[in-house]
C-alpha atoms as a PDB file:
ATOM      1  CA  MET A   1      25.396  22.850  65.279  1.00  0.00           C
ATOM      2  CA  ASN A   2      26.005  24.943  62.203  1.00  0.00           C
ATOM      3  CA  GLU A   3      27.561  21.954  60.540  1.00  0.00           C
ATOM      4  CA  GLN A   4      24.518  19.888  61.304  1.00  0.00           C
ATOM      5  CA  LYS A   5      22.283  22.578  59.821  1.00  0.00           C
ATOM      6  CA  ASP A   6      24.388  22.711  56.651  1.00  0.00           C
ATOM      7  CA  LEU A   7      24.364  18.949  56.426  1.00  0.00           C
ATOM      8  CA  LYS A   8      20.617  18.842  56.914  1.00  0.00           C
ATOM      9  CA  SER A   9      20.180  21.577  54.293  1.00  0.00           C
ATOM     10  CA  ASN A  10      22.399  19.705  51.851  1.00  0.00           C
ATOM     11  CA  PHE A  11      20.451  16.486  52.411  1.00  0.00           C
ATOM     12  CA  SER A  12      17.170  18.340  51.918  1.00  0.00           C
ATOM     13  CA  ALA A  13      18.437  19.867  48.660  1.00  0.00           C
ATOM     14  CA  LEU A  14      19.718  16.463  47.575  1.00  0.00           C
ATOM     15  CA  GLU A  15      16.383  14.846  48.407  1.00  0.00           C
ATOM     16  CA  ILE A  16      14.526  17.505  46.383  1.00  0.00           C
ATOM     17  CA  ARG A  17      16.834  16.900  43.418  1.00  0.00           C
ATOM     18  CA  ILE A  18      16.348  13.139  43.717  1.00  0.00           C
ATOM     19  CA  GLN A  19      12.564  13.615  43.815  1.00  0.00           C
ATOM     20  CA  LYS A  20      12.782  15.780  40.669  1.00  0.00           C
ATOM     21  CA  LEU A  21      14.912  13.128  38.951  1.00  0.00           C
ATOM     22  CA  ILE A  22      12.445  10.407  39.941  1.00  0.00           C
ATOM     23  CA  HIS A  23       9.584  12.507  38.625  1.00  0.00           C
ATOM     24  CA  LEU A  24      11.430  13.207  35.354  1.00  0.00           C
ATOM     25  CA  HIS A  25      12.252   9.509  35.064  1.00  0.00           C
ATOM     26  CA  GLU A  26       8.578   8.556  35.511  1.00  0.00           C
ATOM     27  CA  GLU A  27       7.536  11.114  32.876  1.00  0.00           C
ATOM     28  CA  ALA A  28      10.196   9.787  30.510  1.00  0.00           C
ATOM     29  CA  LYS A  29       8.958   6.219  31.064  1.00  0.00           C
ATOM     30  CA  LYS A  30       5.359   7.270  30.305  1.00  0.00           C
ATOM     31  CA  SER A  31       6.478   9.164  27.208  1.00  0.00           C
ATOM     32  CA  ASN A  32       8.557   6.179  26.095  1.00  0.00           C
ATOM     33  CA  ALA A  33       5.592   3.829  26.554  1.00  0.00           C
ATOM     34  CA  GLN A  34       3.390   6.149  24.487  1.00  0.00           C
ATOM     35  CA  LEU A  35       6.011   6.360  21.763  1.00  0.00           C
ATOM     36  CA  LEU A  36       6.412   2.565  21.696  1.00  0.00           C
ATOM     37  CA  SER A  37       2.640   2.208  21.430  1.00  0.00           C
ATOM     38  CA  GLU A  38       2.567   4.717  18.583  1.00  0.00           C
ATOM     39  CA  ILE A  39       5.394   2.862  16.829  1.00  0.00           C
ATOM     40  CA  GLN A  40       3.438  -0.404  17.050  1.00  0.00           C
ATOM     41  CA  LYS A  41       0.334   1.322  15.694  1.00  0.00           C
ATOM     42  CA  LEU A  42       2.290   2.841  12.801  1.00  0.00           C
ATOM     43  CA  LYS A  43       3.918  -0.510  12.036  1.00  0.00           C
ATOM     44  CA  ALA A  44       0.489  -2.142  11.881  1.00  0.00           C
ATOM     45  CA  GLU A  45      -0.760   0.659   9.582  1.00  0.00           C
ATOM     46  CA  LEU A  46       2.324   0.245   7.405  1.00  0.00           C
ATOM     47  CA  THR A  47       1.736  -3.490   7.150  1.00  0.00           C
ATOM     48  CA  ASP A  48      -1.890  -2.860   6.174  1.00  0.00           C
ATOM     49  CA  GLU A  49      -0.817  -0.321   3.543  1.00  0.00           C
ATOM     50  CA  HIS A  50       1.759  -2.744   2.115  1.00  0.00           C
ATOM     51  CA  ALA A  51      -0.954  -5.409   1.854  1.00  0.00           C
ATOM     52  CA  LYS A  52      -3.272  -2.896   0.201  1.00  0.00           C
ATOM     53  CA  VAL A  53      -0.585  -1.928  -2.320  1.00  0.00           C
ATOM     54  CA  GLN A  54       0.027  -5.599  -3.119  1.00  0.00           C
ATOM     55  CA  ARG A  55      -3.694  -6.185  -3.666  1.00  0.00           C
ATOM     56  CA  LEU A  56      -3.908  -3.123  -5.907  1.00  0.00           C
ATOM     57  CA  GLU A  57      -0.855  -4.208  -7.901  1.00  0.00           C
ATOM     58  CA  GLU A  58      -2.313  -7.695  -8.318  1.00  0.00           C
ATOM     59  CA  GLY A  59      -5.630  -6.207  -9.391  1.00  0.00           C
ATOM     60  CA  TYR A  60      -3.839  -3.984 -11.891  1.00  0.00           C
ATOM     61  CA  ARG A  61      -1.912  -6.939 -13.314  1.00  0.00           C
ATOM     62  CA  ASN A  62      -5.160  -8.923 -13.600  1.00  0.00           C
ATOM     63  CA  LEU A  63      -6.865  -5.993 -15.288  1.00  0.00           C
ATOM     64  CA  LYS A  64      -4.004  -5.645 -17.777  1.00  0.00           C
ATOM     65  CA  GLU A  65      -4.131  -9.383 -18.466  1.00  0.00           C
ATOM     66  CA  ILE A  66      -7.901  -9.266 -19.000  1.00  0.00           C
ATOM     67  CA  GLU A  67      -7.499  -6.215 -21.215  1.00  0.00           C
ATOM     68  CA  SER A  68      -4.796  -7.963 -23.241  1.00  0.00           C
ATOM     69  CA  THR A  69      -6.927 -11.092 -23.596  1.00  0.00           C
ATOM     70  CA  SER A  70      -9.939  -9.006 -24.571  1.00  0.00           C
ATOM     71  CA  THR A  71      -7.863  -7.141 -27.159  1.00  0.00           C
ATOM     72  CA  LYS A  72      -6.584 -10.435 -28.592  1.00  0.00           C
ATOM     73  CA  GLN A  73     -10.152 -11.754 -28.776  1.00  0.00           C
ATOM     74  CA  SER A  74     -11.324  -8.537 -30.457  1.00  0.00           C
ATOM     75  CA  ILE A  75      -8.549  -8.802 -33.027  1.00  0.00           C
ATOM     76  CA  SER A  76      -9.412 -12.456 -33.605  1.00  0.00           C
ATOM     77  CA  ASN A  77     -13.105 -11.586 -34.026  1.00  0.00           C
ATOM     78  CA  MET A  78     -12.257  -8.779 -36.450  1.00  0.00           C
ATOM     79  CA  LYS A  79     -10.055 -11.113 -38.507  1.00  0.00           C
ATOM     80  CA  ARG A  80     -12.865 -13.682 -38.635  1.00  0.00           C
ATOM     81  CA  LYS A  81     -15.374 -11.027 -39.739  1.00  0.00           C
ATOM     82  CA  ILE A  82     -12.966  -9.727 -42.380  1.00  0.00           C
ATOM     83  CA  ASN A  83     -12.446 -13.285 -43.648  1.00  0.00           C
ATOM     84  CA  ASP A  84     -16.223 -13.783 -43.731  1.00  0.00           C
ATOM     85  CA  ILE A  85     -16.655 -10.569 -45.722  1.00  0.00           C
ATOM     86  CA  ILE A  86     -13.848 -11.536 -48.119  1.00  0.00           C
ATOM     87  CA  GLY A  87     -15.474 -14.960 -48.572  1.00  0.00           C
ATOM     88  CA  GLU A  88     -18.814 -13.301 -49.277  1.00  0.00           C
ATOM     89  CA  ILE A  89     -17.168 -10.961 -51.802  1.00  0.00           C
ATOM     90  CA  ASP A  90     -15.479 -13.942 -53.471  1.00  0.00           C
ATOM     91  CA  ARG A  91     -18.813 -15.787 -53.721  1.00  0.00           C
ATOM     92  CA  SER A  92     -20.478 -12.699 -55.161  1.00  0.00           C
ATOM     93  CA  MET A  93     -17.663 -12.262 -57.672  1.00  0.00           C
ATOM     94  CA  SER A  94     -18.011 -15.933 -58.682  1.00  0.00           C
ATOM     95  CA  MET A  95     -21.760 -15.501 -59.137  1.00  0.00           C
ATOM     96  CA  ILE A  96     -21.175 -12.385 -61.253  1.00  0.00           C
ATOM     97  CA  ASP A  97     -18.589 -14.204 -63.353  1.00  0.00           C
ATOM     98  CA  ASP A  98     -20.970 -17.163 -63.779  1.00  0.00           C
ATOM     99  CA  ASN A  99     -23.774 -14.838 -64.904  1.00  0.00           C
ATOM    100  CA  HIS A 100     -21.553 -13.124 -67.502  1.00  0.00           C
ATOM    101  CA  LYS A 101     -20.476 -16.339 -69.156  1.00  0.00           C
END
């Protein structure tokens, strides 16, 4: 009878331990599912951020290109204006020379 009591006690203790393990396993599964969900969310955010960085880099390159083109046009306009002024000075000098002769 004592043996039966000990056996029953051992089985009860074993059952309690198994229940605890099952409970811990369920908690671990829930935690794992939450972590996997968070990983997916973070991956999506990372993808969005990469796309944003690419758009910003492209915008920056376009801005630099526009700035470069604008600078080239400004230089070209300045050269044209300088040439116009030099031409005007030359015409004035010719008129002055013609008047002194």
